Amino acid sequence: MKKGIYNILKANFLINSDAVNNWRFIVFCTLLAIIMIASSHSAERKVHQIARLNNEVRELRSEFVDRRSALMRIKMESTIINQLSGTGIAPSETPPFKIKVNIKE
């Protein structure tokens, strides 16, 4: 038991005659670890990008609602009458009527 732990601490498994297999396994494990780390970084980057885009969509949606409500207030007849009262333009006293054209064949 002591000898086994001592050999591991001295890294005898890396300099033995069959060390090539051990080195291959160590390199393989290292490559897998690098790929796993890169994959997790990529996934986290995408999660952060999705969160940022969701916040941007939320902000744009609220801005759209604000602009739409402002436009509806501007388009109201009372607002237009108030804005044009100083220019002398007033709403018509007579209501509009439809003109019907009869086509004779």
N, C-alpha and C. Protein backbone atom coordinates (compact mmCIF):
# COMPACT_ATOMS: atom_id res chain seq x y z
N MET A 1 0.83 -1.19 0.00
CA MET A 1 0.00 0.00 0.00
C MET A 1 0.87 1.25 0.00
N LYS A 2 1.88 1.27 0.91
CA LYS A 2 2.78 2.42 0.98
C LYS A 2 3.57 2.56 -0.31
N LYS A 3 4.00 1.43 -0.83
CA LYS A 3 4.82 1.44 -2.04
C LYS A 3 3.99 1.95 -3.23
N GLY A 4 2.72 1.57 -3.31
CA GLY A 4 1.85 2.01 -4.40
C GLY A 4 1.64 3.51 -4.37
N ILE A 5 1.38 4.05 -3.20
CA ILE A 5 1.17 5.50 -3.08
C ILE A 5 2.47 6.23 -3.36
N TYR A 6 3.57 5.66 -2.88
CA TYR A 6 4.89 6.27 -3.13
C TYR A 6 5.21 6.29 -4.62
N ASN A 7 4.87 5.20 -5.34
CA ASN A 7 5.10 5.16 -6.79
C ASN A 7 4.23 6.18 -7.53
N ILE A 8 3.01 6.37 -7.06
CA ILE A 8 2.13 7.37 -7.69
C ILE A 8 2.68 8.76 -7.46
N LEU A 9 3.15 9.04 -6.25
CA LEU A 9 3.70 10.36 -5.96
C LEU A 9 4.99 10.62 -6.74
N LYS A 10 5.77 9.60 -6.96
CA LYS A 10 7.01 9.75 -7.74
C LYS A 10 6.72 9.75 -9.24
N ALA A 11 5.49 9.44 -9.64
CA ALA A 11 5.05 9.39 -11.04
C ALA A 11 5.80 8.32 -11.81
N ASN A 12 5.99 7.17 -11.20
CA ASN A 12 6.63 6.05 -11.89
C ASN A 12 5.78 5.53 -13.04
N PHE A 13 4.47 5.71 -12.97
CA PHE A 13 3.61 5.24 -14.05
C PHE A 13 3.82 6.02 -15.35
N LEU A 14 4.50 7.16 -15.26
CA LEU A 14 4.76 7.95 -16.47
C LEU A 14 6.12 7.63 -17.10
N ILE A 15 6.97 6.91 -16.37
CA ILE A 15 8.30 6.61 -16.92
C ILE A 15 8.56 5.12 -17.06
N ASN A 16 7.58 4.28 -16.79
CA ASN A 16 7.72 2.83 -16.96
C ASN A 16 7.78 2.48 -18.44
N SER A 17 7.97 1.20 -18.71
CA SER A 17 8.05 0.74 -20.10
C SER A 17 6.70 0.84 -20.80
N ASP A 18 5.61 0.70 -20.09
CA ASP A 18 4.28 0.83 -20.71
C ASP A 18 3.69 2.22 -20.48
N ALA A 19 4.52 3.21 -20.34
CA ALA A 19 4.08 4.58 -20.07
C ALA A 19 3.38 5.22 -21.26
N VAL A 20 3.62 4.70 -22.47
CA VAL A 20 2.97 5.29 -23.66
C VAL A 20 1.46 5.22 -23.54
N ASN A 21 0.94 4.10 -23.07
CA ASN A 21 -0.51 3.97 -22.88
C ASN A 21 -1.00 4.96 -21.83
N ASN A 22 -0.26 5.14 -20.78
CA ASN A 22 -0.65 6.10 -19.75
C ASN A 22 -0.64 7.52 -20.29
N TRP A 23 0.37 7.86 -21.08
CA TRP A 23 0.44 9.20 -21.66
C TRP A 23 -0.72 9.44 -22.62
N ARG A 24 -1.04 8.42 -23.41
CA ARG A 24 -2.18 8.56 -24.34
C ARG A 24 -3.47 8.84 -23.57
N PHE A 25 -3.67 8.11 -22.50
CA PHE A 25 -4.88 8.30 -21.70
C PHE A 25 -4.90 9.68 -21.06
N ILE A 26 -3.76 10.15 -20.57
CA ILE A 26 -3.69 11.48 -19.94
C ILE A 26 -3.97 12.56 -20.98
N VAL A 27 -3.40 12.43 -22.17
CA VAL A 27 -3.64 13.42 -23.23
C VAL A 27 -5.11 13.39 -23.65
N PHE A 28 -5.69 12.18 -23.75
CA PHE A 28 -7.10 12.06 -24.11
C PHE A 28 -7.99 12.72 -23.07
N CYS A 29 -7.72 12.47 -21.79
CA CYS A 29 -8.51 13.10 -20.72
C CYS A 29 -8.35 14.62 -20.73
N THR A 30 -7.14 15.09 -21.01
CA THR A 30 -6.91 16.53 -21.07
C THR A 30 -7.70 17.16 -22.21
N LEU A 31 -7.69 16.52 -23.38
CA LEU A 31 -8.45 17.04 -24.53
C LEU A 31 -9.95 17.05 -24.22
N LEU A 32 -10.44 16.00 -23.59
CA LEU A 32 -11.86 15.97 -23.22
C LEU A 32 -12.20 17.09 -22.24
N ALA A 33 -11.32 17.35 -21.30
CA ALA A 33 -11.56 18.43 -20.33
C ALA A 33 -11.58 19.78 -21.03
N ILE A 34 -10.66 19.99 -21.97
CA ILE A 34 -10.63 21.26 -22.71
C ILE A 34 -11.89 21.44 -23.53
N ILE A 35 -12.35 20.39 -24.18
CA ILE A 35 -13.58 20.46 -24.98
C ILE A 35 -14.78 20.74 -24.08
N MET A 36 -14.82 20.10 -22.92
CA MET A 36 -15.93 20.31 -21.99
C MET A 36 -15.96 21.74 -21.47
N ILE A 37 -14.79 22.29 -21.15
CA ILE A 37 -14.72 23.67 -20.66
C ILE A 37 -15.15 24.64 -21.75
N ALA A 38 -14.68 24.42 -22.98
CA ALA A 38 -15.07 25.30 -24.09
C ALA A 38 -16.57 25.22 -24.35
N SER A 39 -17.13 24.04 -24.26
CA SER A 39 -18.57 23.87 -24.47
C SER A 39 -19.37 24.60 -23.40
N SER A 40 -18.95 24.50 -22.16
CA SER A 40 -19.69 25.18 -21.09
C SER A 40 -19.57 26.70 -21.23
N HIS A 41 -18.40 27.19 -21.65
CA HIS A 41 -18.25 28.64 -21.87
C HIS A 41 -19.17 29.10 -22.99
N SER A 42 -19.24 28.32 -24.04
CA SER A 42 -20.12 28.67 -25.16
C SER A 42 -21.58 28.68 -24.73
N ALA A 43 -21.99 27.70 -23.94
CA ALA A 43 -23.37 27.65 -23.47
C ALA A 43 -23.69 28.84 -22.56
N GLU A 44 -22.76 29.18 -21.68
CA GLU A 44 -22.99 30.34 -20.80
C GLU A 44 -23.06 31.63 -21.59
N ARG A 45 -22.22 31.76 -22.62
CA ARG A 45 -22.25 32.95 -23.47
C ARG A 45 -23.61 33.08 -24.15
N LYS A 46 -24.16 31.94 -24.61
CA LYS A 46 -25.47 31.97 -25.26
C LYS A 46 -26.57 32.32 -24.27
N VAL A 47 -26.47 31.81 -23.04
CA VAL A 47 -27.48 32.12 -22.03
C VAL A 47 -27.47 33.61 -21.72
N HIS A 48 -26.27 34.19 -21.59
CA HIS A 48 -26.17 35.63 -21.32
C HIS A 48 -26.71 36.44 -22.50
N GLN A 49 -26.43 35.99 -23.71
CA GLN A 49 -26.93 36.70 -24.89
C GLN A 49 -28.46 36.63 -24.94
N ILE A 50 -29.03 35.48 -24.63
CA ILE A 50 -30.49 35.34 -24.63
C ILE A 50 -31.11 36.25 -23.58
N ALA A 51 -30.51 36.31 -22.41
CA ALA A 51 -31.04 37.18 -21.35
C ALA A 51 -30.96 38.65 -21.77
N ARG A 52 -29.84 39.04 -22.40
CA ARG A 52 -29.69 40.43 -22.85
C ARG A 52 -30.74 40.75 -23.92
N LEU A 53 -30.95 39.82 -24.86
CA LEU A 53 -31.94 40.05 -25.91
C LEU A 53 -33.36 40.09 -25.34
N ASN A 54 -33.66 39.28 -24.34
CA ASN A 54 -34.98 39.32 -23.71
C ASN A 54 -35.21 40.67 -23.03
N ASN A 55 -34.20 41.19 -22.36
CA ASN A 55 -34.32 42.52 -21.75
C ASN A 55 -34.54 43.58 -22.81
N GLU A 56 -33.83 43.47 -23.91
CA GLU A 56 -33.98 44.46 -24.99
C GLU A 56 -35.37 44.39 -25.59
N VAL A 57 -35.90 43.18 -25.78
CA VAL A 57 -37.26 43.02 -26.32
C VAL A 57 -38.27 43.62 -25.36
N ARG A 58 -38.09 43.40 -24.07
CA ARG A 58 -39.00 43.95 -23.06
C ARG A 58 -38.99 45.47 -23.09
N GLU A 59 -37.79 46.06 -23.21
CA GLU A 59 -37.68 47.51 -23.26
C GLU A 59 -38.33 48.06 -24.53
N LEU A 60 -38.07 47.41 -25.67
CA LEU A 60 -38.66 47.87 -26.93
C LEU A 60 -40.18 47.74 -26.92
N ARG A 61 -40.69 46.67 -26.30
CA ARG A 61 -42.14 46.50 -26.24
C ARG A 61 -42.77 47.61 -25.39
N SER A 62 -42.14 47.94 -24.26
CA SER A 62 -42.70 49.00 -23.42
C SER A 62 -42.60 50.36 -24.12
N GLU A 63 -41.52 50.58 -24.86
CA GLU A 63 -41.40 51.83 -25.63
C GLU A 63 -42.48 51.89 -26.71
N PHE A 64 -42.76 50.75 -27.36
CA PHE A 64 -43.82 50.71 -28.37
C PHE A 64 -45.16 51.06 -27.76
N VAL A 65 -45.47 50.51 -26.60
CA VAL A 65 -46.76 50.79 -25.95
C VAL A 65 -46.84 52.27 -25.58
N ASP A 66 -45.75 52.84 -25.07
CA ASP A 66 -45.74 54.26 -24.72
C ASP A 66 -45.98 55.12 -25.95
N ARG A 67 -45.27 54.81 -27.03
CA ARG A 67 -45.43 55.62 -28.26
C ARG A 67 -46.83 55.47 -28.83
N ARG A 68 -47.39 54.26 -28.79
CA ARG A 68 -48.72 54.05 -29.33
C ARG A 68 -49.76 54.83 -28.53
N SER A 69 -49.63 54.85 -27.20
CA SER A 69 -50.59 55.59 -26.38
C SER A 69 -50.43 57.10 -26.61
N ALA A 70 -49.18 57.56 -26.78
CA ALA A 70 -48.97 58.99 -27.07
C ALA A 70 -49.59 59.35 -28.42
N LEU A 71 -49.44 58.50 -29.40
CA LEU A 71 -50.04 58.74 -30.71
C LEU A 71 -51.56 58.78 -30.62
N MET A 72 -52.13 57.89 -29.84
CA MET A 72 -53.59 57.89 -29.69
C MET A 72 -54.07 59.18 -29.03
N ARG A 73 -53.31 59.69 -28.05
CA ARG A 73 -53.69 60.97 -27.42
C ARG A 73 -53.58 62.11 -28.42
N ILE A 74 -52.54 62.09 -29.25
CA ILE A 74 -52.35 63.16 -30.24
C ILE A 74 -53.46 63.14 -31.29
N LYS A 75 -53.93 61.95 -31.66
CA LYS A 75 -54.93 61.82 -32.71
C LYS A 75 -56.35 62.14 -32.24
N MET A 76 -56.56 62.32 -30.94
CA MET A 76 -57.90 62.60 -30.43
C MET A 76 -58.39 63.95 -30.97
N GLU A 77 -59.69 64.02 -31.24
CA GLU A 77 -60.27 65.24 -31.83
C GLU A 77 -60.11 66.44 -30.89
N SER A 78 -60.26 66.22 -29.60
CA SER A 78 -60.16 67.34 -28.67
C SER A 78 -58.73 67.91 -28.66
N THR A 79 -57.73 67.05 -28.77
CA THR A 79 -56.34 67.52 -28.80
C THR A 79 -56.08 68.33 -30.07
N ILE A 80 -56.61 67.86 -31.19
CA ILE A 80 -56.42 68.59 -32.45
C ILE A 80 -57.13 69.93 -32.40
N ILE A 81 -58.33 69.96 -31.83
CA ILE A 81 -59.06 71.23 -31.72
C ILE A 81 -58.29 72.21 -30.84
N ASN A 82 -57.74 71.74 -29.73
CA ASN A 82 -56.96 72.61 -28.85
C ASN A 82 -55.71 73.15 -29.54
N GLN A 83 -55.05 72.33 -30.34
CA GLN A 83 -53.84 72.78 -31.01
C GLN A 83 -54.14 73.77 -32.13
N LEU A 84 -55.28 73.61 -32.79
CA LEU A 84 -55.62 74.48 -33.92
C LEU A 84 -56.47 75.68 -33.52
N SER A 85 -56.80 75.83 -32.25
CA SER A 85 -57.67 76.93 -31.83
C SER A 85 -57.00 78.29 -32.06
N GLY A 86 -55.72 78.40 -31.95
CA GLY A 86 -55.03 79.67 -32.15
C GLY A 86 -54.90 80.06 -33.60
N THR A 87 -55.03 79.12 -34.52
CA THR A 87 -54.87 79.42 -35.95
C THR A 87 -56.17 79.84 -36.61
N GLY A 88 -57.29 79.73 -35.92
CA GLY A 88 -58.57 80.13 -36.50
C GLY A 88 -59.27 78.99 -37.20
N ILE A 89 -58.69 77.83 -37.22
CA ILE A 89 -59.35 76.67 -37.85
C ILE A 89 -60.21 76.00 -36.78
N ALA A 90 -61.47 75.77 -37.13
CA ALA A 90 -62.41 75.17 -36.19
C ALA A 90 -63.09 73.98 -36.85
N PRO A 91 -63.68 73.12 -36.07
CA PRO A 91 -64.40 71.99 -36.68
C PRO A 91 -65.66 72.47 -37.40
N SER A 92 -66.08 71.70 -38.34
CA SER A 92 -67.23 72.06 -39.16
C SER A 92 -68.51 72.01 -38.33
N GLU A 93 -69.39 72.96 -38.60
CA GLU A 93 -70.67 73.00 -37.89
C GLU A 93 -71.66 72.01 -38.50
N THR A 94 -71.54 71.75 -39.78
CA THR A 94 -72.46 70.82 -40.45
C THR A 94 -71.77 69.47 -40.57
N PRO A 95 -72.46 68.42 -40.25
CA PRO A 95 -71.85 67.09 -40.35
C PRO A 95 -71.66 66.69 -41.81
N PRO A 96 -70.74 65.83 -42.09
CA PRO A 96 -70.52 65.39 -43.46
C PRO A 96 -71.67 64.50 -43.92
N PHE A 97 -71.85 64.40 -45.23
CA PHE A 97 -72.89 63.53 -45.77
C PHE A 97 -72.32 62.76 -46.95
N LYS A 98 -72.95 61.65 -47.25
CA LYS A 98 -72.49 60.77 -48.31
C LYS A 98 -73.08 61.26 -49.65
N ILE A 99 -72.27 61.13 -50.67
CA ILE A 99 -72.73 61.43 -52.02
C ILE A 99 -72.91 60.10 -52.73
N LYS A 100 -74.09 59.87 -53.20
CA LYS A 100 -74.38 58.64 -53.91
C LYS A 100 -74.47 58.95 -55.40
N VAL A 101 -73.79 58.18 -56.18
CA VAL A 101 -73.81 58.36 -57.64
C VAL A 101 -74.54 57.16 -58.22
N ASN A 102 -75.58 57.44 -58.98
CA ASN A 102 -76.31 56.39 -59.65
C ASN A 102 -75.76 56.25 -61.06
N ILE A 103 -75.36 55.05 -61.37
CA ILE A 103 -74.81 54.79 -62.72
C ILE A 103 -75.92 54.18 -63.56
N LYS A 104 -76.25 54.86 -64.66
CA LYS A 104 -77.28 54.37 -65.55
C LYS A 104 -76.61 53.64 -66.70
N GLU A 105 -77.17 52.51 -67.01
CA GLU A 105 -76.59 51.73 -68.12
C GLU A 105 -77.42 51.81 -69.34
